Amino acid sequence: MDYNTDEKGRRRRPLKNVKWVAQYLGVTRNTVHQWVMEGHIPYINLGTKGGRRIIRFDPDVIEAWLYDRTFTPGKGDKKDKGE
């Protein structure tokens, strides 16, 4: 097993920091920190160092989180189906 796969053979990428997530999503680092504080974005809490919280993000989880928030007009909208 290499660092790119887990024990079940699934592909894994290294954890990413706030700067990477902000660039990936096209928002500021402050926005990412705010989303973390409000519980809007999935993250991993690695503990604290010098009074600061160390957080990282799994890129696969961030992509799934983003996909779950994708809206396509006319698909899945109960109002469009008359329900």
PDB file of N, CA and C in Angstrom:
ATOM      1  N   MET A   1       0.851  -1.184   0.000  1.00  0.00           N
ATOM      2  CA  MET A   1       0.000   0.000   0.000  1.00  0.00           C
ATOM      3  C   MET A   1       0.893   1.242   0.000  1.00  0.00           C
ATOM      4  N   ASP A   2       0.684   2.133  -0.968  1.00  0.00           N
ATOM      5  CA  ASP A   2       1.435   3.384  -0.988  1.00  0.00           C
ATOM      6  C   ASP A   2       0.575   4.501  -0.407  1.00  0.00           C
ATOM      7  N   TYR A   3       1.121   5.717  -0.340  1.00  0.00           N
ATOM      8  CA  TYR A   3       0.377   6.806   0.304  1.00  0.00           C
ATOM      9  C   TYR A   3      -0.838   7.235  -0.505  1.00  0.00           C
ATOM     10  N   ASN A   4      -0.960   6.769  -1.747  1.00  0.00           N
ATOM     11  CA  ASN A   4      -2.096   7.162  -2.580  1.00  0.00           C
ATOM     12  C   ASN A   4      -3.293   6.228  -2.444  1.00  0.00           C
ATOM     13  N   THR A   5      -3.157   5.141  -1.684  1.00  0.00           N
ATOM     14  CA  THR A   5      -4.269   4.223  -1.491  1.00  0.00           C
ATOM     15  C   THR A   5      -4.434   3.923  -0.009  1.00  0.00           C
ATOM     16  N   ASP A   6      -5.668   3.620   0.383  1.00  0.00           N
ATOM     17  CA  ASP A   6      -5.902   3.244   1.778  1.00  0.00           C
ATOM     18  C   ASP A   6      -5.904   1.724   1.879  1.00  0.00           C
ATOM     19  N   GLU A   7      -6.270   1.206   3.053  1.00  0.00           N
ATOM     20  CA  GLU A   7      -6.231  -0.236   3.284  1.00  0.00           C
ATOM     21  C   GLU A   7      -7.203  -1.011   2.402  1.00  0.00           C
ATOM     22  N   LYS A   8      -8.205  -0.343   1.862  1.00  0.00           N
ATOM     23  CA  LYS A   8      -9.169  -0.991   0.974  1.00  0.00           C
ATOM     24  C   LYS A   8      -8.845  -0.756  -0.493  1.00  0.00           C
ATOM     25  N   GLY A   9      -7.684  -0.157  -0.754  1.00  0.00           N
ATOM     26  CA  GLY A   9      -7.267   0.068  -2.133  1.00  0.00           C
ATOM     27  C   GLY A   9      -7.836   1.320  -2.771  1.00  0.00           C
ATOM     28  N   ARG A  10      -8.549   2.125  -1.994  1.00  0.00           N
ATOM     29  CA  ARG A  10      -9.102   3.365  -2.541  1.00  0.00           C
ATOM     30  C   ARG A  10      -7.996   4.396  -2.689  1.00  0.00           C
ATOM     31  N   ARG A  11      -8.086   5.184  -3.732  1.00  0.00           N
ATOM     32  CA  ARG A  11      -7.086   6.224  -3.978  1.00  0.00           C
ATOM     33  C   ARG A  11      -7.216   7.338  -2.943  1.00  0.00           C
ATOM     34  N   ARG A  12      -6.113   7.757  -2.388  1.00  0.00           N
ATOM     35  CA  ARG A  12      -6.104   8.844  -1.411  1.00  0.00           C
ATOM     36  C   ARG A  12      -5.079   9.872  -1.823  1.00  0.00           C
ATOM     37  N   ARG A  13      -5.428  11.116  -1.645  1.00  0.00           N
ATOM     38  CA  ARG A  13      -4.500  12.203  -1.911  1.00  0.00           C
ATOM     39  C   ARG A  13      -4.074  12.818  -0.595  1.00  0.00           C
ATOM     40  N   PRO A  14      -2.917  13.454  -0.559  1.00  0.00           N
ATOM     41  CA  PRO A  14      -2.489  14.104   0.685  1.00  0.00           C
ATOM     42  C   PRO A  14      -3.500  15.160   1.133  1.00  0.00           C
ATOM     43  N   LEU A  15      -3.595  15.355   2.444  1.00  0.00           N
ATOM     44  CA  LEU A  15      -4.486  16.377   2.985  1.00  0.00           C
ATOM     45  C   LEU A  15      -4.020  17.760   2.550  1.00  0.00           C
ATOM     46  N   LYS A  16      -4.978  18.670   2.420  1.00  0.00           N
ATOM     47  CA  LYS A  16      -4.691  20.033   1.963  1.00  0.00           C
ATOM     48  C   LYS A  16      -4.973  21.036   3.066  1.00  0.00           C
ATOM     49  N   ASN A  17      -4.374  22.213   2.936  1.00  0.00           N
ATOM     50  CA  ASN A  17      -4.552  23.272   3.937  1.00  0.00           C
ATOM     51  C   ASN A  17      -5.610  24.286   3.481  1.00  0.00           C
ATOM     52  N   VAL A  18      -5.845  25.279   4.332  1.00  0.00           N
ATOM     53  CA  VAL A  18      -6.863  26.304   4.065  1.00  0.00           C
ATOM     54  C   VAL A  18      -6.553  27.060   2.777  1.00  0.00           C
ATOM     55  N   LYS A  19      -5.285  27.383   2.550  1.00  0.00           N
ATOM     56  CA  LYS A  19      -4.907  28.124   1.349  1.00  0.00           C
ATOM     57  C   LYS A  19      -5.296  27.361   0.084  1.00  0.00           C
ATOM     58  N   TRP A  20      -5.047  26.057   0.065  1.00  0.00           N
ATOM     59  CA  TRP A  20      -5.393  25.240  -1.105  1.00  0.00           C
ATOM     60  C   TRP A  20      -6.908  25.248  -1.337  1.00  0.00           C
ATOM     61  N   VAL A  21      -7.684  25.049  -0.259  1.00  0.00           N
ATOM     62  CA  VAL A  21      -9.145  25.016  -0.385  1.00  0.00           C
ATOM     63  C   VAL A  21      -9.667  26.358  -0.890  1.00  0.00           C
ATOM     64  N   ALA A  22      -9.130  27.436  -0.355  1.00  0.00           N
ATOM     65  CA  ALA A  22      -9.561  28.772  -0.786  1.00  0.00           C
ATOM     66  C   ALA A  22      -9.289  28.973  -2.279  1.00  0.00           C
ATOM     67  N   GLN A  23      -8.108  28.599  -2.723  1.00  0.00           N
ATOM     68  CA  GLN A  23      -7.776  28.741  -4.150  1.00  0.00           C
ATOM     69  C   GLN A  23      -8.648  27.834  -5.004  1.00  0.00           C
ATOM     70  N   TYR A  24      -8.852  26.610  -4.555  1.00  0.00           N
ATOM     71  CA  TYR A  24      -9.656  25.638  -5.295  1.00  0.00           C
ATOM     72  C   TYR A  24     -11.096  26.116  -5.467  1.00  0.00           C
ATOM     73  N   LEU A  25     -11.646  26.712  -4.406  1.00  0.00           N
ATOM     74  CA  LEU A  25     -13.037  27.164  -4.443  1.00  0.00           C
ATOM     75  C   LEU A  25     -13.194  28.601  -4.927  1.00  0.00           C
ATOM     76  N   GLY A  26     -12.083  29.325  -5.062  1.00  0.00           N
ATOM     77  CA  GLY A  26     -12.148  30.704  -5.539  1.00  0.00           C
ATOM     78  C   GLY A  26     -12.691  31.674  -4.509  1.00  0.00           C
ATOM     79  N   VAL A  27     -12.374  31.403  -3.239  1.00  0.00           N
ATOM     80  CA  VAL A  27     -12.797  32.287  -2.155  1.00  0.00           C
ATOM     81  C   VAL A  27     -11.558  32.670  -1.344  1.00  0.00           C
ATOM     82  N   THR A  28     -11.749  33.541  -0.364  1.00  0.00           N
ATOM     83  CA  THR A  28     -10.618  33.937   0.479  1.00  0.00           C
ATOM     84  C   THR A  28     -10.396  32.904   1.591  1.00  0.00           C
ATOM     85  N   ARG A  29      -9.208  32.961   2.172  1.00  0.00           N
ATOM     86  CA  ARG A  29      -8.922  32.084   3.313  1.00  0.00           C
ATOM     87  C   ARG A  29      -9.844  32.433   4.478  1.00  0.00           C
ATOM     88  N   ASN A  30     -10.166  33.711   4.634  1.00  0.00           N
ATOM     89  CA  ASN A  30     -11.097  34.106   5.705  1.00  0.00           C
ATOM     90  C   ASN A  30     -12.461  33.450   5.525  1.00  0.00           C
ATOM     91  N   THR A  31     -12.909  33.343   4.285  1.00  0.00           N
ATOM     92  CA  THR A  31     -14.196  32.692   4.010  1.00  0.00           C
ATOM     93  C   THR A  31     -14.140  31.230   4.417  1.00  0.00           C
ATOM     94  N   VAL A  32     -13.056  30.546   4.077  1.00  0.00           N
ATOM     95  CA  VAL A  32     -12.908  29.135   4.454  1.00  0.00           C
ATOM     96  C   VAL A  32     -12.911  29.005   5.977  1.00  0.00           C
ATOM     97  N   HIS A  33     -12.181  29.866   6.672  1.00  0.00           N
ATOM     98  CA  HIS A  33     -12.173  29.835   8.137  1.00  0.00           C
ATOM     99  C   HIS A  33     -13.574  30.070   8.692  1.00  0.00           C
ATOM    100  N   GLN A  34     -14.310  30.977   8.103  1.00  0.00           N
ATOM    101  CA  GLN A  34     -15.681  31.254   8.559  1.00  0.00           C
ATOM    102  C   GLN A  34     -16.564  30.023   8.353  1.00  0.00           C
ATOM    103  N   TRP A  35     -16.439  29.372   7.188  1.00  0.00           N
ATOM    104  CA  TRP A  35     -17.221  28.162   6.919  1.00  0.00           C
ATOM    105  C   TRP A  35     -16.897  27.067   7.919  1.00  0.00           C
ATOM    106  N   VAL A  36     -15.611  26.954   8.285  1.00  0.00           N
ATOM    107  CA  VAL A  36     -15.210  25.962   9.296  1.00  0.00           C
ATOM    108  C   VAL A  36     -15.883  26.278  10.627  1.00  0.00           C
ATOM    109  N   MET A  37     -15.800  27.535  11.045  1.00  0.00           N
ATOM    110  CA  MET A  37     -16.386  27.939  12.334  1.00  0.00           C
ATOM    111  C   MET A  37     -17.899  27.718  12.369  1.00  0.00           C
ATOM    112  N   GLU A  38     -18.554  27.902  11.232  1.00  0.00           N
ATOM    113  CA  GLU A  38     -20.011  27.750  11.151  1.00  0.00           C
ATOM    114  C   GLU A  38     -20.441  26.321  10.841  1.00  0.00           C
ATOM    115  N   GLY A  39     -19.473  25.434  10.595  1.00  0.00           N
ATOM    116  CA  GLY A  39     -19.798  24.037  10.310  1.00  0.00           C
ATOM    117  C   GLY A  39     -20.330  23.798   8.909  1.00  0.00           C
ATOM    118  N   HIS A  40     -19.996  24.659   7.959  1.00  0.00           N
ATOM    119  CA  HIS A  40     -20.508  24.528   6.599  1.00  0.00           C
ATOM    120  C   HIS A  40     -19.653  23.650   5.697  1.00  0.00           C
ATOM    121  N   ILE A  41     -18.397  23.443   6.045  1.00  0.00           N
ATOM    122  CA  ILE A  41     -17.483  22.716   5.171  1.00  0.00           C
ATOM    123  C   ILE A  41     -16.805  21.598   5.966  1.00  0.00           C
ATOM    124  N   PRO A  42     -16.666  20.413   5.376  1.00  0.00           N
ATOM    125  CA  PRO A  42     -16.026  19.315   6.112  1.00  0.00           C
ATOM    126  C   PRO A  42     -14.520  19.533   6.246  1.00  0.00           C
ATOM    127  N   TYR A  43     -14.001  19.274   7.437  1.00  0.00           N
ATOM    128  CA  TYR A  43     -12.570  19.454   7.686  1.00  0.00           C
ATOM    129  C   TYR A  43     -12.105  18.430   8.707  1.00  0.00           C
ATOM    130  N   ILE A  44     -10.796  18.333   8.854  1.00  0.00           N
ATOM    131  CA  ILE A  44     -10.183  17.431   9.819  1.00  0.00           C
ATOM    132  C   ILE A  44      -9.441  18.273  10.839  1.00  0.00           C
ATOM    133  N   ASN A  45      -9.749  18.076  12.102  1.00  0.00           N
ATOM    134  CA  ASN A  45      -9.096  18.813  13.178  1.00  0.00           C
ATOM    135  C   ASN A  45      -7.923  17.973  13.676  1.00  0.00           C
ATOM    136  N   LEU A  46      -6.701  18.436  13.451  1.00  0.00           N
ATOM    137  CA  LEU A  46      -5.503  17.701  13.859  1.00  0.00           C
ATOM    138  C   LEU A  46      -4.999  18.120  15.237  1.00  0.00           C
ATOM    139  N   GLY A  47      -5.703  18.990  15.903  1.00  0.00           N
ATOM    140  CA  GLY A  47      -5.292  19.434  17.231  1.00  0.00           C
ATOM    141  C   GLY A  47      -4.875  20.885  17.220  1.00  0.00           C
ATOM    142  N   THR A  48      -4.063  21.248  18.203  1.00  0.00           N
ATOM    143  CA  THR A  48      -3.611  22.637  18.302  1.00  0.00           C
ATOM    144  C   THR A  48      -2.095  22.691  18.426  1.00  0.00           C
ATOM    145  N   LYS A  49      -1.568  23.815  18.017  1.00  0.00           N
ATOM    146  CA  LYS A  49      -0.133  24.066  18.155  1.00  0.00           C
ATOM    147  C   LYS A  49       0.021  25.550  18.454  1.00  0.00           C
ATOM    148  N   GLY A  50       0.586  25.855  19.592  1.00  0.00           N
ATOM    149  CA  GLY A  50       0.775  27.245  19.966  1.00  0.00           C
ATOM    150  C   GLY A  50      -0.527  28.020  20.093  1.00  0.00           C
ATOM    151  N   GLY A  51      -1.596  27.337  20.508  1.00  0.00           N
ATOM    152  CA  GLY A  51      -2.886  27.995  20.676  1.00  0.00           C
ATOM    153  C   GLY A  51      -3.691  28.122  19.396  1.00  0.00           C
ATOM    154  N   ARG A  52      -3.150  27.648  18.275  1.00  0.00           N
ATOM    155  CA  ARG A  52      -3.869  27.707  16.999  1.00  0.00           C
ATOM    156  C   ARG A  52      -4.328  26.311  16.610  1.00  0.00           C
ATOM    157  N   ARG A  53      -5.529  26.241  16.104  1.00  0.00           N
ATOM    158  CA  ARG A  53      -6.079  24.968  15.656  1.00  0.00           C
ATOM    159  C   ARG A  53      -5.456  24.588  14.319  1.00  0.00           C
ATOM    160  N   ILE A  54      -5.067  23.333  14.184  1.00  0.00           N
ATOM    161  CA  ILE A  54      -4.517  22.836  12.920  1.00  0.00           C
ATOM    162  C   ILE A  54      -5.627  22.068  12.209  1.00  0.00           C
ATOM    163  N   ILE A  55      -6.048  22.584  11.057  1.00  0.00           N
ATOM    164  CA  ILE A  55      -7.098  21.921  10.291  1.00  0.00           C
ATOM    165  C   ILE A  55      -6.585  21.592   8.902  1.00  0.00           C
ATOM    166  N   ARG A  56      -7.057  20.482   8.379  1.00  0.00           N
ATOM    167  CA  ARG A  56      -6.715  20.053   7.025  1.00  0.00           C
ATOM    168  C   ARG A  56      -7.982  19.559   6.350  1.00  0.00           C
ATOM    169  N   PHE A  57      -7.886  19.415   5.050  1.00  0.00           N
ATOM    170  CA  PHE A  57      -9.038  19.026   4.244  1.00  0.00           C
ATOM    171  C   PHE A  57      -8.660  17.849   3.348  1.00  0.00           C
ATOM    172  N   ASP A  58      -9.564  16.899   3.251  1.00  0.00           N
ATOM    173  CA  ASP A  58      -9.391  15.777   2.328  1.00  0.00           C
ATOM    174  C   ASP A  58      -9.940  16.236   0.977  1.00  0.00           C
ATOM    175  N   PRO A  59      -9.106  16.297  -0.060  1.00  0.00           N
ATOM    176  CA  PRO A  59      -9.573  16.791  -1.363  1.00  0.00           C
ATOM    177  C   PRO A  59     -10.753  15.999  -1.920  1.00  0.00           C
ATOM    178  N   ASP A  60     -10.786  14.680  -1.671  1.00  0.00           N
ATOM    179  CA  ASP A  60     -11.902  13.868  -2.161  1.00  0.00           C
ATOM    180  C   ASP A  60     -13.206  14.241  -1.463  1.00  0.00           C
ATOM    181  N   VAL A  61     -13.129  14.533  -0.176  1.00  0.00           N
ATOM    182  CA  VAL A  61     -14.320  14.929   0.586  1.00  0.00           C
ATOM    183  C   VAL A  61     -14.781  16.318   0.146  1.00  0.00           C
ATOM    184  N   ILE A  62     -13.842  17.215  -0.101  1.00  0.00           N
ATOM    185  CA  ILE A  62     -14.198  18.563  -0.572  1.00  0.00           C
ATOM    186  C   ILE A  62     -14.891  18.481  -1.926  1.00  0.00           C
ATOM    187  N   GLU A  63     -14.385  17.634  -2.828  1.00  0.00           N
ATOM    188  CA  GLU A  63     -15.028  17.483  -4.136  1.00  0.00           C
ATOM    189  C   GLU A  63     -16.438  16.914  -3.990  1.00  0.00           C
ATOM    190  N   ALA A  64     -16.620  15.921  -3.111  1.00  0.00           N
ATOM    191  CA  ALA A  64     -17.952  15.352  -2.884  1.00  0.00           C
ATOM    192  C   ALA A  64     -18.891  16.397  -2.273  1.00  0.00           C
ATOM    193  N   TRP A  65     -18.367  17.175  -1.314  1.00  0.00           N
ATOM    194  CA  TRP A  65     -19.147  18.249  -0.680  1.00  0.00           C
ATOM    195  C   TRP A  65     -19.598  19.263  -1.737  1.00  0.00           C
ATOM    196  N   LEU A  66     -18.690  19.614  -2.617  1.00  0.00           N
ATOM    197  CA  LEU A  66     -19.008  20.565  -3.677  1.00  0.00           C
ATOM    198  C   LEU A  66     -20.042  19.981  -4.636  1.00  0.00           C
ATOM    199  N   TYR A  67     -19.871  18.727  -5.009  1.00  0.00           N
ATOM    200  CA  TYR A  67     -20.812  18.053  -5.906  1.00  0.00           C
ATOM    201  C   TYR A  67     -22.208  18.015  -5.287  1.00  0.00           C
ATOM    202  N   ASP A  68     -22.292  17.749  -3.984  1.00  0.00           N
ATOM    203  CA  ASP A  68     -23.593  17.694  -3.301  1.00  0.00           C
ATOM    204  C   ASP A  68     -24.312  19.035  -3.331  1.00  0.00           C
ATOM    205  N   ARG A  69     -23.583  20.113  -3.510  1.00  0.00           N
ATOM    206  CA  ARG A  69     -24.169  21.443  -3.536  1.00  0.00           C
ATOM    207  C   ARG A  69     -24.416  21.967  -4.944  1.00  0.00           C
ATOM    208  N   THR A  70     -24.144  21.125  -5.928  1.00  0.00           N
ATOM    209  CA  THR A  70     -24.345  21.532  -7.318  1.00  0.00           C
ATOM    210  C   THR A  70     -25.831  21.521  -7.642  1.00  0.00           C
ATOM    211  N   PHE A  71     -26.298  22.604  -8.204  1.00  0.00           N
ATOM    212  CA  PHE A  71     -27.704  22.731  -8.581  1.00  0.00           C
ATOM    213  C   PHE A  71     -27.809  22.810 -10.092  1.00  0.00           C
ATOM    214  N   THR A  72     -28.649  21.958 -10.646  1.00  0.00           N
ATOM    215  CA  THR A  72     -28.935  22.002 -12.075  1.00  0.00           C
ATOM    216  C   THR A  72     -30.399  22.375 -12.226  1.00  0.00           C
ATOM    217  N   PRO A  73     -30.684  23.544 -12.791  1.00  0.00           N
ATOM    218  CA  PRO A  73     -32.077  23.964 -12.943  1.00  0.00           C
ATOM    219  C   PRO A  73     -32.909  22.908 -13.666  1.00  0.00           C
ATOM    220  N   GLY A  74     -34.095  22.646 -13.115  1.00  0.00           N
ATOM    221  CA  GLY A  74     -35.002  21.691 -13.745  1.00  0.00           C
ATOM    222  C   GLY A  74     -34.770  20.255 -13.320  1.00  0.00           C
ATOM    223  N   LYS A  75     -33.717  19.990 -12.555  1.00  0.00           N
ATOM    224  CA  LYS A  75     -33.462  18.614 -12.106  1.00  0.00           C
ATOM    225  C   LYS A  75     -33.508  18.559 -10.588  1.00  0.00           C
ATOM    226  N   GLY A  76     -34.350  17.699 -10.074  1.00  0.00           N
ATOM    227  CA  GLY A  76     -34.405  17.500  -8.636  1.00  0.00           C
ATOM    228  C   GLY A  76     -35.136  18.582  -7.869  1.00  0.00           C
ATOM    229  N   ASP A  77     -35.689  19.542  -8.568  1.00  0.00           N
ATOM    230  CA  ASP A  77     -36.417  20.614  -7.895  1.00  0.00           C
ATOM    231  C   ASP A  77     -37.876  20.191  -7.791  1.00  0.00           C
ATOM    232  N   LYS A  78     -38.362  19.995  -6.582  1.00  0.00           N
ATOM    233  CA  LYS A  78     -39.731  19.512  -6.382  1.00  0.00           C
ATOM    234  C   LYS A  78     -40.759  20.471  -6.944  1.00  0.00           C
ATOM    235  N   LYS A  79     -40.459  21.764  -6.970  1.00  0.00           N
ATOM    236  CA  LYS A  79     -41.410  22.727  -7.529  1.00  0.00           C
ATOM    237  C   LYS A  79     -41.632  22.477  -9.022  1.00  0.00           C
ATOM    238  N   ASP A  80     -40.566  22.079  -9.729  1.00  0.00           N
ATOM    239  CA  ASP A  80     -40.678  21.818 -11.167  1.00  0.00           C
ATOM    240  C   ASP A  80     -41.488  20.565 -11.455  1.00  0.00           C
ATOM    241  N   LYS A  81     -41.564  19.624 -10.503  1.00  0.00           N
ATOM    242  CA  LYS A  81     -42.274  18.361 -10.706  1.00  0.00           C
ATOM    243  C   LYS A  81     -43.717  18.451 -10.237  1.00  0.00           C
ATOM    244  N   GLY A  82     -44.093  19.600  -9.690  1.00  0.00           N
ATOM    245  CA  GLY A  82     -45.461  19.779  -9.211  1.00  0.00           C
ATOM    246  C   GLY A  82     -45.740  19.088  -7.905  1.00  0.00           C
ATOM    247  N   GLU A  83     -44.707  18.727  -7.173  1.00  0.00           N
ATOM    248  CA  GLU A  83     -44.882  18.042  -5.889  1.00  0.00           C
ATOM    249  C   GLU A  83     -44.993  19.016  -4.758  1.00  0.00           C
TER     250      GLU A  83
END
